[in-house]
């Protein structure tokens, strides 16, 4: 299961990297056209906004897998490893609950965007695309956090019982 989740997370991170490159390209071209020809890209702000949503949320699953979230290890050196393992499992559980709640609260706006055909102001892009990218990243984060919680729980329960 971890191999599949890892492959999916790496794929989403690569998609996020492509979107980041596109975001930079849009900004560079927009600034160049604006200053050189006084002809900015129409809707550049909205394009970058959509891409930023994808970049931010599609990269979260791999950050979970690589354990690259910010952590503060205050008591890791003074308590037994078993306690550290349980604290890690509890922390992963909190992360899982958080991303699950985030996913739950993203469903309603996504359905609203679909029902009311909401679009962006300038380019008239359907907002459901942005919400869909965000929701895809969050759902992948839920799956990743769940797998990591099971792993951490197994480590904590299996150590020194």
C-alpha atoms as a PDB file:
ATOM      1  CA  UNK A   1       0.000   0.000   0.000  1.00  0.00           C
ATOM      2  CA  UNK A   2       2.847   2.394   0.856  1.00  0.00           C
ATOM      3  CA  UNK A   3       4.445   1.818  -2.558  1.00  0.00           C
ATOM      4  CA  UNK A   4       1.227   2.820  -4.333  1.00  0.00           C
ATOM      5  CA  UNK A   5       0.744   5.870  -2.121  1.00  0.00           C
ATOM      6  CA  UNK A   6       4.386   6.821  -2.611  1.00  0.00           C
ATOM      7  CA  UNK A   7       4.077   6.571  -6.393  1.00  0.00           C
ATOM      8  CA  UNK A   8       0.882   8.642  -6.371  1.00  0.00           C
ATOM      9  CA  UNK A   9       2.474  11.263  -4.104  1.00  0.00           C
ATOM     10  CA  UNK A  10       5.536  11.518  -6.351  1.00  0.00           C
ATOM     11  CA  UNK A  11       3.294  11.882  -9.401  1.00  0.00           C
ATOM     12  CA  UNK A  12       1.283  14.671  -7.741  1.00  0.00           C
ATOM     13  CA  UNK A  13       4.498  16.426  -6.733  1.00  0.00           C
ATOM     14  CA  UNK A  14       5.711  16.294 -10.326  1.00  0.00           C
ATOM     15  CA  UNK A  15       2.402  17.732 -11.504  1.00  0.00           C
ATOM     16  CA  UNK A  16       2.794  20.470  -8.882  1.00  0.00           C
ATOM     17  CA  UNK A  17       6.321  21.158 -10.179  1.00  0.00           C
ATOM     18  CA  UNK A  18       5.007  21.572 -13.734  1.00  0.00           C
ATOM     19  CA  UNK A  19       2.346  23.961 -12.450  1.00  0.00           C
ATOM     20  CA  UNK A  20       5.007  25.884 -10.511  1.00  0.00           C
ATOM     21  CA  UNK A  21       7.087  26.214 -13.669  1.00  0.00           C
ATOM     22  CA  UNK A  22       4.011  27.443 -15.542  1.00  0.00           C
ATOM     23  CA  UNK A  23       3.291  29.904 -12.733  1.00  0.00           C
ATOM     24  CA  UNK A  24       6.810  31.341 -12.962  1.00  0.00           C
ATOM     25  CA  UNK A  25       6.602  31.492 -16.761  1.00  0.00           C
ATOM     26  CA  UNK A  26       3.296  33.366 -16.676  1.00  0.00           C
ATOM     27  CA  UNK A  27       4.708  35.894 -14.199  1.00  0.00           C
ATOM     28  CA  UNK A  28       7.950  36.409 -16.140  1.00  0.00           C
ATOM     29  CA  UNK A  29       6.178  36.813 -19.482  1.00  0.00           C
ATOM     30  CA  UNK A  30       3.538  39.076 -17.921  1.00  0.00           C
ATOM     31  CA  UNK A  31       6.143  41.363 -16.361  1.00  0.00           C
ATOM     32  CA  UNK A  32       8.188  41.390 -19.579  1.00  0.00           C
ATOM     33  CA  UNK A  33       5.208  42.236 -21.752  1.00  0.00           C
ATOM     34  CA  UNK A  34       3.941  44.800 -19.263  1.00  0.00           C
ATOM     35  CA  UNK A  35       7.246  46.665 -19.029  1.00  0.00           C
ATOM     36  CA  UNK A  36       8.403  46.174 -22.631  1.00  0.00           C
ATOM     37  CA  UNK A  37       5.246  46.583 -24.670  1.00  0.00           C
ATOM     38  CA  UNK A  38       2.752  47.828 -22.087  1.00  0.00           C
ATOM     39  CA  UNK A  39       0.680  44.740 -22.941  1.00  0.00           C
ATOM     40  CA  UNK A  40       0.262  42.501 -19.902  1.00  0.00           C
ATOM     41  CA  UNK A  41      -1.249  39.029 -20.127  1.00  0.00           C
ATOM     42  CA  UNK A  42      -4.993  39.314 -19.628  1.00  0.00           C
ATOM     43  CA  UNK A  43      -5.997  37.218 -16.624  1.00  0.00           C
ATOM     44  CA  UNK A  44      -2.444  36.498 -15.465  1.00  0.00           C
ATOM     45  CA  UNK A  45      -3.513  36.966 -11.848  1.00  0.00           C
ATOM     46  CA  UNK A  46      -6.250  34.328 -12.203  1.00  0.00           C
ATOM     47  CA  UNK A  47      -3.976  31.899 -14.023  1.00  0.00           C
ATOM     48  CA  UNK A  48      -1.367  32.189 -11.273  1.00  0.00           C
ATOM     49  CA  UNK A  49      -4.081  31.849  -8.621  1.00  0.00           C
ATOM     50  CA  UNK A  50      -5.307  28.562 -10.115  1.00  0.00           C
ATOM     51  CA  UNK A  51      -1.780  27.227 -10.500  1.00  0.00           C
ATOM     52  CA  UNK A  52      -0.854  28.244  -6.948  1.00  0.00           C
ATOM     53  CA  UNK A  53      -3.770  26.281  -5.519  1.00  0.00           C
ATOM     54  CA  UNK A  54      -2.557  23.202  -7.375  1.00  0.00           C
ATOM     55  CA  UNK A  55       1.079  23.701  -6.366  1.00  0.00           C
ATOM     56  CA  UNK A  56       0.234  24.136  -2.698  1.00  0.00           C
ATOM     57  CA  UNK A  57      -2.131  21.215  -2.265  1.00  0.00           C
ATOM     58  CA  UNK A  58      -0.726  18.633  -4.676  1.00  0.00           C
ATOM     59  CA  UNK A  59       2.680  18.677  -2.966  1.00  0.00           C
ATOM     60  CA  UNK A  60       1.378  17.977   0.557  1.00  0.00           C
ATOM     61  CA  UNK A  61       1.181  14.159   0.272  1.00  0.00           C
ATOM     62  CA  UNK A  62       4.869  13.815  -0.539  1.00  0.00           C
ATOM     63  CA  UNK A  63       5.758  16.235   2.248  1.00  0.00           C
ATOM     64  CA  UNK A  64       3.965  13.804   4.575  1.00  0.00           C
ATOM     65  CA  UNK A  65       5.841  10.828   3.133  1.00  0.00           C
ATOM     66  CA  UNK A  66       9.239  12.499   3.383  1.00  0.00           C
ATOM     67  CA  UNK A  67       8.471  13.734   6.895  1.00  0.00           C
ATOM     68  CA  UNK A  68       9.261  17.281   5.798  1.00  0.00           C
ATOM     69  CA  UNK A  69       6.656  19.086   7.844  1.00  0.00           C
ATOM     70  CA  UNK A  70       7.998  21.403  10.497  1.00  0.00           C
ATOM     71  CA  UNK A  71       8.370  19.618  13.815  1.00  0.00           C
ATOM     72  CA  UNK A  72       9.775  20.712  17.136  1.00  0.00           C
ATOM     73  CA  UNK A  73      11.574  18.007  19.048  1.00  0.00           C
ATOM     74  CA  UNK A  74      11.690  19.300  22.599  1.00  0.00           C
ATOM     75  CA  UNK A  75      11.479  16.106  24.603  1.00  0.00           C
ATOM     76  CA  UNK A  76      12.771  13.509  22.151  1.00  0.00           C
ATOM     77  CA  UNK A  77      16.163  13.435  23.865  1.00  0.00           C
ATOM     78  CA  UNK A  78      14.885  13.027  27.432  1.00  0.00           C
ATOM     79  CA  UNK A  79      12.160  10.398  27.114  1.00  0.00           C
ATOM     80  CA  UNK A  80      12.421   6.753  26.072  1.00  0.00           C
ATOM     81  CA  UNK A  81      12.125   5.918  22.368  1.00  0.00           C
ATOM     82  CA  UNK A  82       8.814   4.171  23.035  1.00  0.00           C
ATOM     83  CA  UNK A  83       7.297   7.458  24.240  1.00  0.00           C
ATOM     84  CA  UNK A  84       8.682   9.230  21.167  1.00  0.00           C
ATOM     85  CA  UNK A  85       7.082   6.570  18.951  1.00  0.00           C
ATOM     86  CA  UNK A  86       3.707   7.066  20.641  1.00  0.00           C
ATOM     87  CA  UNK A  87       4.011  10.854  20.356  1.00  0.00           C
ATOM     88  CA  UNK A  88       4.758  10.456  16.645  1.00  0.00           C
ATOM     89  CA  UNK A  89       1.681   8.225  16.228  1.00  0.00           C
ATOM     90  CA  UNK A  90      -0.498  10.745  18.080  1.00  0.00           C
ATOM     91  CA  UNK A  91       0.907  13.600  15.976  1.00  0.00           C
ATOM     92  CA  UNK A  92       0.180  11.663  12.806  1.00  0.00           C
ATOM     93  CA  UNK A  93      -3.359  11.029  14.059  1.00  0.00           C
ATOM     94  CA  UNK A  94      -3.846  14.780  14.588  1.00  0.00           C
ATOM     95  CA  UNK A  95      -2.550  15.436  11.058  1.00  0.00           C
ATOM     96  CA  UNK A  96      -4.936  12.801   9.705  1.00  0.00           C
ATOM     97  CA  UNK A  97      -7.903  14.346  11.509  1.00  0.00           C
ATOM     98  CA  UNK A  98      -6.922  17.800  10.256  1.00  0.00           C
ATOM     99  CA  UNK A  99      -6.649  16.829   6.579  1.00  0.00           C
ATOM    100  CA  UNK A 100      -9.824  14.736   6.833  1.00  0.00           C
ATOM    101  CA  UNK A 101     -11.707  17.765   8.189  1.00  0.00           C
ATOM    102  CA  UNK A 102     -10.167  19.907   5.473  1.00  0.00           C
ATOM    103  CA  UNK A 103     -11.380  17.448   2.834  1.00  0.00           C
ATOM    104  CA  UNK A 104     -14.833  17.309   4.397  1.00  0.00           C
ATOM    105  CA  UNK A 105     -15.145  21.094   4.405  1.00  0.00           C
ATOM    106  CA  UNK A 106     -13.932  21.359   0.800  1.00  0.00           C
ATOM    107  CA  UNK A 107     -16.676  19.119  -0.587  1.00  0.00           C
ATOM    108  CA  UNK A 108     -19.530  21.609  -0.100  1.00  0.00           C
ATOM    109  CA  UNK A 109     -17.835  24.531  -1.893  1.00  0.00           C
ATOM    110  CA  UNK A 110     -16.846  22.212  -4.734  1.00  0.00           C
ATOM    111  CA  UNK A 111     -20.438  21.038  -5.119  1.00  0.00           C
ATOM    112  CA  UNK A 112     -21.628  24.656  -4.988  1.00  0.00           C
ATOM    113  CA  UNK A 113     -19.195  25.607  -7.757  1.00  0.00           C
ATOM    114  CA  UNK A 114     -20.624  22.785  -9.853  1.00  0.00           C
ATOM    115  CA  UNK A 115     -24.267  23.532  -9.067  1.00  0.00           C
ATOM    116  CA  UNK A 116     -24.074  27.269  -9.698  1.00  0.00           C
ATOM    117  CA  UNK A 117     -21.489  27.125 -12.513  1.00  0.00           C
ATOM    118  CA  UNK A 118     -19.314  29.685 -10.745  1.00  0.00           C
ATOM    119  CA  UNK A 119     -16.501  31.133 -12.823  1.00  0.00           C
ATOM    120  CA  UNK A 120     -13.536  33.435 -12.294  1.00  0.00           C
ATOM    121  CA  UNK A 121     -13.984  37.149 -12.904  1.00  0.00           C
ATOM    122  CA  UNK A 122     -11.746  37.833 -15.893  1.00  0.00           C
ATOM    123  CA  UNK A 123     -11.163  34.584 -17.752  1.00  0.00           C
ATOM    124  CA  UNK A 124     -14.490  32.981 -16.839  1.00  0.00           C
ATOM    125  CA  UNK A 125     -12.696  29.764 -15.847  1.00  0.00           C
ATOM    126  CA  UNK A 126     -14.922  27.349 -13.934  1.00  0.00           C
ATOM    127  CA  UNK A 127     -13.989  27.521 -10.245  1.00  0.00           C
ATOM    128  CA  UNK A 128     -14.691  23.809  -9.940  1.00  0.00           C
ATOM    129  CA  UNK A 129     -11.324  23.188 -11.640  1.00  0.00           C
ATOM    130  CA  UNK A 130      -9.464  24.968  -8.863  1.00  0.00           C
ATOM    131  CA  UNK A 131     -11.582  23.310  -6.189  1.00  0.00           C
ATOM    132  CA  UNK A 132     -11.046  19.939  -7.859  1.00  0.00           C
ATOM    133  CA  UNK A 133      -7.266  20.342  -7.794  1.00  0.00           C
ATOM    134  CA  UNK A 134      -7.380  21.378  -4.150  1.00  0.00           C
ATOM    135  CA  UNK A 135      -9.685  18.498  -3.264  1.00  0.00           C
ATOM    136  CA  UNK A 136      -7.493  15.997  -5.135  1.00  0.00           C
ATOM    137  CA  UNK A 137      -4.466  17.114  -3.141  1.00  0.00           C
ATOM    138  CA  UNK A 138      -6.352  16.982   0.146  1.00  0.00           C
ATOM    139  CA  UNK A 139      -7.822  13.530  -0.528  1.00  0.00           C
ATOM    140  CA  UNK A 140      -4.364  12.240  -1.441  1.00  0.00           C
ATOM    141  CA  UNK A 141      -3.108  13.784   1.807  1.00  0.00           C
ATOM    142  CA  UNK A 142      -5.809  11.944   3.758  1.00  0.00           C
ATOM    143  CA  UNK A 143      -4.779   8.624   2.209  1.00  0.00           C
ATOM    144  CA  UNK A 144      -1.117   9.348   2.895  1.00  0.00           C
ATOM    145  CA  UNK A 145      -1.723  10.448   6.483  1.00  0.00           C
ATOM    146  CA  UNK A 146      -3.854   7.357   7.105  1.00  0.00           C
ATOM    147  CA  UNK A 147      -1.129   5.028   5.815  1.00  0.00           C
ATOM    148  CA  UNK A 148       1.494   6.841   7.884  1.00  0.00           C
ATOM    149  CA  UNK A 149      -0.709   6.672  10.967  1.00  0.00           C
ATOM    150  CA  UNK A 150      -1.036   2.909  10.569  1.00  0.00           C
ATOM    151  CA  UNK A 151       2.740   2.663  10.150  1.00  0.00           C
ATOM    152  CA  UNK A 152       3.470   4.852  13.184  1.00  0.00           C
ATOM    153  CA  UNK A 153       0.873   3.059  15.290  1.00  0.00           C
ATOM    154  CA  UNK A 154       2.417  -0.283  14.372  1.00  0.00           C
ATOM    155  CA  UNK A 155       5.872   0.966  15.332  1.00  0.00           C
ATOM    156  CA  UNK A 156       4.649   2.373  18.632  1.00  0.00           C
ATOM    157  CA  UNK A 157       2.631  -0.706  19.557  1.00  0.00           C
ATOM    158  CA  UNK A 158       5.377  -3.097  18.533  1.00  0.00           C
ATOM    159  CA  UNK A 159       8.235  -1.493  20.451  1.00  0.00           C
ATOM    160  CA  UNK A 160       9.131  -2.848  23.873  1.00  0.00           C
ATOM    161  CA  UNK A 161       5.700  -4.124  24.880  1.00  0.00           C
END
